[in-house]
Structures are given as structure tokens and as C-alpha cells.
């Protein structure tokens, strides 16, 4: 199991209560979303307008609003691909979840480059 279900549900409830939240998408996420949304210029700054749980495999997923996408276009990303202002009241809990999840995902699905024998 990647996520602690009780902790994930608690964090999800707190995140939903705090919506909308400001976040910054990682450069890799911005590049991927820009590639998928040809013609839309996306900046790293965004608002989280929805929180969903995609099960243990997907974790906490955020609906993102960059402020300039057409209404029929929606962007979703794992919370692990977002950065938050450290002054945000939930910043510590979010960072703890991100760190724990990334560690567990890497342990569960090691990449070939991390294998001891190539």
C-alpha cells in the first residue's frame, strides 16, 4: 500500500475545505500540459479548484485552473507535481504526503536506472 488511507482522507478533507488553493506546477508538468494543449500558453502558477482521490495507485489528484484555458479543457495532475507556498497553513501536511508518496512509489516501482545491475 502506497498511501496511508486515514492520513490521505484527512488531508483530502482539509484540502477541499481550503479550495481554491494557489500552487505552482513543476516545469515538467507545465511542459507536458502545454504539449497536450496546443495553442494554450500555460504559466506555472495555477489554482487548484478540485480535489479527487484516484485510489492507492493514483493518490491525490488536483483539478488545475491556469486562468486561460477554454471551458471544455480541464487539467488534472497529481499533487506530487505541484509546489506550494511554505506559508500556506497546509504546506507541511502536503509536503509530508508528497515526500511519503514519492518514497513509496519509488520503492514499489523502481526504475531500471536504480537497479543495482544494468
N, C-alpha and C. Protein backbone atom coordinates (compact mmCIF):
# COMPACT_ATOMS: atom_id res chain seq x y z
N UNK A 1 0.84 -1.18 0.00
CA UNK A 1 0.00 0.00 0.00
C UNK A 1 0.89 1.24 0.00
N UNK A 2 0.59 2.16 -0.92
CA UNK A 2 1.40 3.37 -1.06
C UNK A 2 0.96 4.44 -0.06
N UNK A 3 -0.34 4.73 -0.04
CA UNK A 3 -0.86 5.76 0.86
C UNK A 3 -1.36 5.16 2.16
N UNK A 4 -1.27 5.95 3.22
CA UNK A 4 -1.95 5.62 4.46
C UNK A 4 -3.37 6.16 4.27
N UNK A 5 -4.38 5.26 4.15
CA UNK A 5 -5.74 5.72 3.82
C UNK A 5 -6.31 6.76 4.79
N UNK A 6 -6.07 6.60 6.06
CA UNK A 6 -6.61 7.54 7.05
C UNK A 6 -5.98 8.93 6.87
N UNK A 7 -4.66 8.97 6.73
CA UNK A 7 -3.98 10.25 6.55
C UNK A 7 -4.39 10.91 5.23
N UNK A 8 -4.50 10.12 4.16
CA UNK A 8 -4.89 10.67 2.87
C UNK A 8 -6.29 11.27 2.94
N UNK A 9 -7.23 10.59 3.56
CA UNK A 9 -8.60 11.10 3.67
C UNK A 9 -8.65 12.38 4.50
N UNK A 10 -7.87 12.44 5.58
CA UNK A 10 -7.82 13.65 6.40
C UNK A 10 -7.31 14.84 5.59
N UNK A 11 -6.21 14.60 4.85
CA UNK A 11 -5.62 15.67 4.04
C UNK A 11 -6.59 16.09 2.95
N UNK A 12 -7.26 15.16 2.31
CA UNK A 12 -8.22 15.48 1.26
C UNK A 12 -9.33 16.38 1.82
N UNK A 13 -9.85 16.05 2.98
CA UNK A 13 -10.90 16.86 3.60
C UNK A 13 -10.41 18.28 3.87
N UNK A 14 -9.19 18.41 4.37
CA UNK A 14 -8.63 19.73 4.65
C UNK A 14 -8.40 20.52 3.37
N UNK A 15 -7.90 19.83 2.32
CA UNK A 15 -7.66 20.50 1.04
C UNK A 15 -8.97 20.99 0.44
N UNK A 16 -9.99 20.16 0.46
CA UNK A 16 -11.30 20.56 -0.09
C UNK A 16 -11.86 21.76 0.65
N UNK A 17 -11.68 21.79 1.95
CA UNK A 17 -12.18 22.91 2.74
C UNK A 17 -11.43 24.21 2.44
N UNK A 18 -10.21 24.11 1.95
CA UNK A 18 -9.38 25.28 1.69
C UNK A 18 -9.44 25.76 0.24
N UNK A 19 -10.19 25.09 -0.62
CA UNK A 19 -10.24 25.46 -2.04
C UNK A 19 -10.82 26.85 -2.24
N UNK A 20 -10.38 27.58 -3.25
CA UNK A 20 -9.29 27.26 -4.16
C UNK A 20 -7.94 27.53 -3.50
N UNK A 21 -6.95 26.77 -3.91
CA UNK A 21 -5.59 26.90 -3.39
C UNK A 21 -4.64 27.32 -4.51
N UNK A 22 -3.70 28.18 -4.20
CA UNK A 22 -2.67 28.54 -5.17
C UNK A 22 -1.57 27.50 -5.15
N UNK A 23 -1.04 27.19 -6.33
CA UNK A 23 0.05 26.23 -6.43
C UNK A 23 0.93 26.61 -7.62
N UNK A 24 2.07 25.95 -7.70
CA UNK A 24 2.98 26.12 -8.82
C UNK A 24 3.26 24.76 -9.41
N UNK A 25 2.99 24.62 -10.70
CA UNK A 25 3.25 23.36 -11.39
C UNK A 25 4.75 23.23 -11.67
N UNK A 26 5.25 22.00 -11.57
CA UNK A 26 6.67 21.77 -11.87
C UNK A 26 6.92 22.05 -13.35
N UNK A 27 8.15 22.38 -13.73
CA UNK A 27 8.45 22.61 -15.14
C UNK A 27 8.09 21.41 -16.02
N UNK A 28 8.32 20.21 -15.53
CA UNK A 28 7.98 19.01 -16.31
C UNK A 28 6.48 18.92 -16.54
N UNK A 29 5.68 19.25 -15.54
CA UNK A 29 4.22 19.21 -15.68
C UNK A 29 3.76 20.28 -16.66
N UNK A 30 4.29 21.49 -16.56
CA UNK A 30 3.92 22.56 -17.49
C UNK A 30 4.24 22.15 -18.93
N UNK A 31 5.41 21.55 -19.13
CA UNK A 31 5.80 21.11 -20.48
C UNK A 31 4.83 20.06 -21.01
N UNK A 32 4.49 19.09 -20.18
CA UNK A 32 3.58 18.03 -20.59
C UNK A 32 2.19 18.59 -20.91
N UNK A 33 1.66 19.45 -20.06
CA UNK A 33 0.33 20.01 -20.29
C UNK A 33 0.32 20.93 -21.51
N UNK A 34 1.38 21.69 -21.71
CA UNK A 34 1.48 22.56 -22.89
C UNK A 34 1.49 21.73 -24.16
N UNK A 35 2.19 20.61 -24.12
CA UNK A 35 2.24 19.70 -25.26
C UNK A 35 0.85 19.14 -25.57
N UNK A 36 0.09 18.82 -24.53
CA UNK A 36 -1.24 18.25 -24.70
C UNK A 36 -2.28 19.30 -25.09
N UNK A 37 -2.03 20.54 -24.77
CA UNK A 37 -2.99 21.62 -25.04
C UNK A 37 -2.37 22.62 -26.00
N UNK A 38 -2.14 22.16 -27.21
CA UNK A 38 -1.51 23.02 -28.22
C UNK A 38 -2.28 24.33 -28.35
N UNK A 39 -1.55 25.42 -28.40
CA UNK A 39 -2.15 26.73 -28.57
C UNK A 39 -2.49 27.45 -27.28
N UNK A 40 -2.36 26.78 -26.15
CA UNK A 40 -2.64 27.43 -24.87
C UNK A 40 -1.31 27.67 -24.16
N UNK A 41 -1.06 28.93 -23.81
CA UNK A 41 0.17 29.28 -23.10
C UNK A 41 -0.08 29.14 -21.60
N UNK A 42 0.61 28.20 -20.98
CA UNK A 42 0.42 27.93 -19.56
C UNK A 42 1.61 28.44 -18.76
N UNK A 43 1.32 29.18 -17.71
CA UNK A 43 2.37 29.59 -16.79
C UNK A 43 2.39 28.58 -15.65
N UNK A 44 3.45 28.53 -14.88
CA UNK A 44 3.49 27.58 -13.76
C UNK A 44 2.47 27.87 -12.66
N UNK A 45 2.04 29.12 -12.52
CA UNK A 45 1.09 29.47 -11.47
C UNK A 45 -0.31 28.99 -11.83
N UNK A 46 -0.97 28.38 -10.85
CA UNK A 46 -2.32 27.87 -11.09
C UNK A 46 -3.12 27.86 -9.80
N UNK A 47 -4.40 27.62 -9.95
CA UNK A 47 -5.31 27.47 -8.81
C UNK A 47 -5.82 26.04 -8.81
N UNK A 48 -5.84 25.43 -7.65
CA UNK A 48 -6.45 24.11 -7.52
C UNK A 48 -7.92 24.36 -7.21
N UNK A 49 -8.79 23.83 -8.08
CA UNK A 49 -10.22 24.07 -7.92
C UNK A 49 -10.99 22.81 -7.55
N UNK A 50 -10.31 21.68 -7.54
CA UNK A 50 -10.95 20.42 -7.17
C UNK A 50 -9.93 19.44 -6.65
N UNK A 51 -10.36 18.57 -5.76
CA UNK A 51 -9.50 17.54 -5.18
C UNK A 51 -10.22 16.20 -5.35
N UNK A 52 -9.48 15.22 -5.84
CA UNK A 52 -10.04 13.88 -6.04
C UNK A 52 -9.03 12.85 -5.53
N UNK A 53 -9.50 11.68 -5.23
CA UNK A 53 -8.60 10.60 -4.83
C UNK A 53 -8.69 9.51 -5.88
N UNK A 54 -7.58 9.18 -6.50
CA UNK A 54 -7.52 8.20 -7.58
C UNK A 54 -7.05 6.85 -7.06
N UNK A 55 -7.39 6.54 -5.84
CA UNK A 55 -7.01 5.25 -5.27
C UNK A 55 -5.54 5.24 -4.89
N UNK A 56 -5.11 4.11 -4.40
CA UNK A 56 -3.74 3.97 -3.93
C UNK A 56 -2.74 4.18 -5.08
N UNK A 57 -3.09 3.74 -6.26
CA UNK A 57 -2.18 3.89 -7.40
C UNK A 57 -2.02 5.33 -7.85
N UNK A 58 -3.11 6.10 -7.84
CA UNK A 58 -3.07 7.46 -8.35
C UNK A 58 -2.87 8.53 -7.29
N UNK A 59 -3.28 8.26 -6.07
CA UNK A 59 -3.11 9.23 -4.99
C UNK A 59 -4.03 10.43 -5.12
N UNK A 60 -3.64 11.53 -4.51
CA UNK A 60 -4.43 12.75 -4.53
C UNK A 60 -4.19 13.46 -5.86
N UNK A 61 -5.30 13.73 -6.56
CA UNK A 61 -5.25 14.38 -7.87
C UNK A 61 -5.96 15.72 -7.76
N UNK A 62 -5.36 16.74 -8.37
CA UNK A 62 -5.90 18.09 -8.30
C UNK A 62 -6.39 18.55 -9.66
N UNK A 63 -7.55 19.22 -9.66
CA UNK A 63 -8.03 19.88 -10.88
C UNK A 63 -7.41 21.26 -10.89
N UNK A 64 -6.75 21.60 -11.99
CA UNK A 64 -5.98 22.84 -12.06
C UNK A 64 -6.65 23.86 -12.97
N UNK A 65 -6.56 25.11 -12.60
CA UNK A 65 -7.07 26.22 -13.40
C UNK A 65 -5.91 27.19 -13.60
N UNK A 66 -5.51 27.34 -14.87
CA UNK A 66 -4.41 28.25 -15.20
C UNK A 66 -4.92 29.63 -15.58
N UNK A 67 -6.24 29.77 -15.64
CA UNK A 67 -6.84 31.07 -15.90
C UNK A 67 -7.04 31.44 -17.36
N UNK A 68 -6.52 30.62 -18.28
CA UNK A 68 -6.66 30.99 -19.68
C UNK A 68 -7.05 29.82 -20.58
N UNK A 69 -7.47 28.71 -20.00
CA UNK A 69 -7.85 27.57 -20.82
C UNK A 69 -9.33 27.66 -21.19
N UNK A 70 -9.69 27.14 -22.36
CA UNK A 70 -11.11 27.14 -22.74
C UNK A 70 -11.93 26.28 -21.77
N UNK A 71 -13.22 26.56 -21.67
CA UNK A 71 -14.07 25.85 -20.70
C UNK A 71 -14.10 24.35 -20.92
N UNK A 72 -13.98 23.89 -22.16
CA UNK A 72 -14.05 22.45 -22.43
C UNK A 72 -12.73 21.73 -22.10
N UNK A 73 -11.73 22.47 -21.72
CA UNK A 73 -10.42 21.88 -21.41
C UNK A 73 -10.22 21.86 -19.90
N UNK A 74 -9.91 20.70 -19.36
CA UNK A 74 -9.64 20.57 -17.92
C UNK A 74 -8.28 19.91 -17.73
N UNK A 75 -7.54 20.38 -16.76
CA UNK A 75 -6.24 19.82 -16.45
C UNK A 75 -6.27 19.19 -15.06
N UNK A 76 -5.71 18.00 -14.96
CA UNK A 76 -5.61 17.29 -13.69
C UNK A 76 -4.17 16.83 -13.52
N UNK A 77 -3.68 16.85 -12.29
CA UNK A 77 -2.32 16.40 -12.01
C UNK A 77 -2.23 15.90 -10.58
N UNK A 78 -1.30 14.99 -10.37
CA UNK A 78 -1.02 14.51 -9.02
C UNK A 78 -0.50 15.66 -8.18
N UNK A 79 -0.86 15.67 -6.92
CA UNK A 79 -0.38 16.70 -6.01
C UNK A 79 1.15 16.65 -5.87
N UNK A 80 1.75 15.52 -6.23
CA UNK A 80 3.20 15.40 -6.15
C UNK A 80 3.91 16.22 -7.23
N UNK A 81 3.18 16.71 -8.23
CA UNK A 81 3.77 17.53 -9.30
C UNK A 81 3.52 19.01 -9.09
N UNK A 82 3.15 19.36 -7.87
CA UNK A 82 2.85 20.75 -7.55
C UNK A 82 3.68 21.21 -6.36
N UNK A 83 3.99 22.49 -6.36
CA UNK A 83 4.70 23.10 -5.22
C UNK A 83 3.75 24.13 -4.58
N UNK A 84 3.90 24.32 -3.28
CA UNK A 84 3.03 25.21 -2.53
C UNK A 84 3.85 26.19 -1.73
N UNK A 85 3.29 27.37 -1.51
CA UNK A 85 3.93 28.38 -0.68
C UNK A 85 4.07 27.81 0.73
N UNK A 86 5.25 27.91 1.29
CA UNK A 86 5.51 27.35 2.62
C UNK A 86 4.69 28.01 3.72
N UNK A 87 4.18 29.20 3.44
CA UNK A 87 3.37 29.91 4.45
C UNK A 87 1.92 29.42 4.47
N UNK A 88 1.55 28.62 3.50
CA UNK A 88 0.20 28.06 3.45
C UNK A 88 -0.02 27.18 4.68
N UNK A 89 -1.15 27.32 5.37
CA UNK A 89 -1.37 26.52 6.59
C UNK A 89 -1.23 25.01 6.39
N UNK A 90 -1.56 24.52 5.21
CA UNK A 90 -1.47 23.07 4.95
C UNK A 90 -0.14 22.65 4.32
N UNK A 91 0.77 23.58 4.14
CA UNK A 91 2.01 23.29 3.42
C UNK A 91 2.79 22.13 4.02
N UNK A 92 2.89 22.09 5.33
CA UNK A 92 3.65 21.00 5.98
C UNK A 92 3.01 19.64 5.74
N UNK A 93 1.70 19.58 5.87
CA UNK A 93 0.99 18.31 5.65
C UNK A 93 1.09 17.87 4.19
N UNK A 94 0.98 18.82 3.27
CA UNK A 94 1.10 18.49 1.85
C UNK A 94 2.50 17.97 1.57
N UNK A 95 3.52 18.67 2.06
CA UNK A 95 4.90 18.24 1.83
C UNK A 95 5.16 16.86 2.41
N UNK A 96 4.60 16.58 3.58
CA UNK A 96 4.76 15.26 4.18
C UNK A 96 4.12 14.18 3.33
N UNK A 97 2.93 14.45 2.81
CA UNK A 97 2.25 13.50 1.93
C UNK A 97 3.07 13.27 0.66
N UNK A 98 3.54 14.37 0.05
CA UNK A 98 4.32 14.26 -1.18
C UNK A 98 5.58 13.43 -0.97
N UNK A 99 6.30 13.72 0.09
CA UNK A 99 7.55 13.01 0.37
C UNK A 99 7.28 11.52 0.61
N UNK A 100 6.29 11.22 1.43
CA UNK A 100 5.93 9.84 1.75
C UNK A 100 5.51 9.09 0.47
N UNK A 101 4.66 9.73 -0.33
CA UNK A 101 4.14 9.09 -1.54
C UNK A 101 5.27 8.83 -2.54
N UNK A 102 6.11 9.81 -2.77
CA UNK A 102 7.20 9.62 -3.73
C UNK A 102 8.14 8.51 -3.30
N UNK A 103 8.44 8.46 -2.01
CA UNK A 103 9.31 7.40 -1.50
C UNK A 103 8.68 6.03 -1.70
N UNK A 104 7.39 5.91 -1.38
CA UNK A 104 6.68 4.64 -1.53
C UNK A 104 6.53 4.23 -2.99
N UNK A 105 6.26 5.19 -3.87
CA UNK A 105 6.12 4.88 -5.31
C UNK A 105 7.46 4.39 -5.85
N UNK A 106 8.54 5.05 -5.48
CA UNK A 106 9.86 4.63 -5.95
C UNK A 106 10.21 3.24 -5.44
N UNK A 107 9.81 2.95 -4.23
CA UNK A 107 10.07 1.63 -3.66
C UNK A 107 9.23 0.55 -4.36
N UNK A 108 7.99 0.89 -4.67
CA UNK A 108 7.08 -0.07 -5.30
C UNK A 108 7.37 -0.28 -6.78
N UNK A 109 7.86 0.76 -7.45
CA UNK A 109 8.11 0.70 -8.89
C UNK A 109 9.50 1.26 -9.20
N UNK A 110 10.55 0.54 -8.84
CA UNK A 110 11.91 1.08 -9.08
C UNK A 110 12.17 1.22 -10.58
N UNK A 111 12.81 2.30 -10.95
CA UNK A 111 13.17 2.50 -12.36
C UNK A 111 14.41 1.67 -12.68
N UNK A 112 14.56 1.27 -13.94
CA UNK A 112 15.72 0.47 -14.32
C UNK A 112 17.05 1.10 -13.95
N UNK A 113 17.13 2.45 -13.98
CA UNK A 113 18.39 3.10 -13.67
C UNK A 113 18.75 2.97 -12.18
N UNK A 114 17.76 2.60 -11.34
CA UNK A 114 18.06 2.45 -9.92
C UNK A 114 18.35 0.99 -9.56
N UNK A 115 18.26 0.11 -10.55
CA UNK A 115 18.58 -1.28 -10.28
C UNK A 115 20.06 -1.43 -10.08
N UNK A 116 20.49 -2.35 -9.19
CA UNK A 116 21.92 -2.48 -8.91
C UNK A 116 22.71 -3.06 -10.09
N UNK A 117 22.06 -3.82 -10.95
CA UNK A 117 22.76 -4.43 -12.08
C UNK A 117 22.09 -4.01 -13.37
N UNK A 118 22.86 -3.44 -14.30
CA UNK A 118 22.27 -2.96 -15.56
C UNK A 118 22.40 -4.00 -16.63
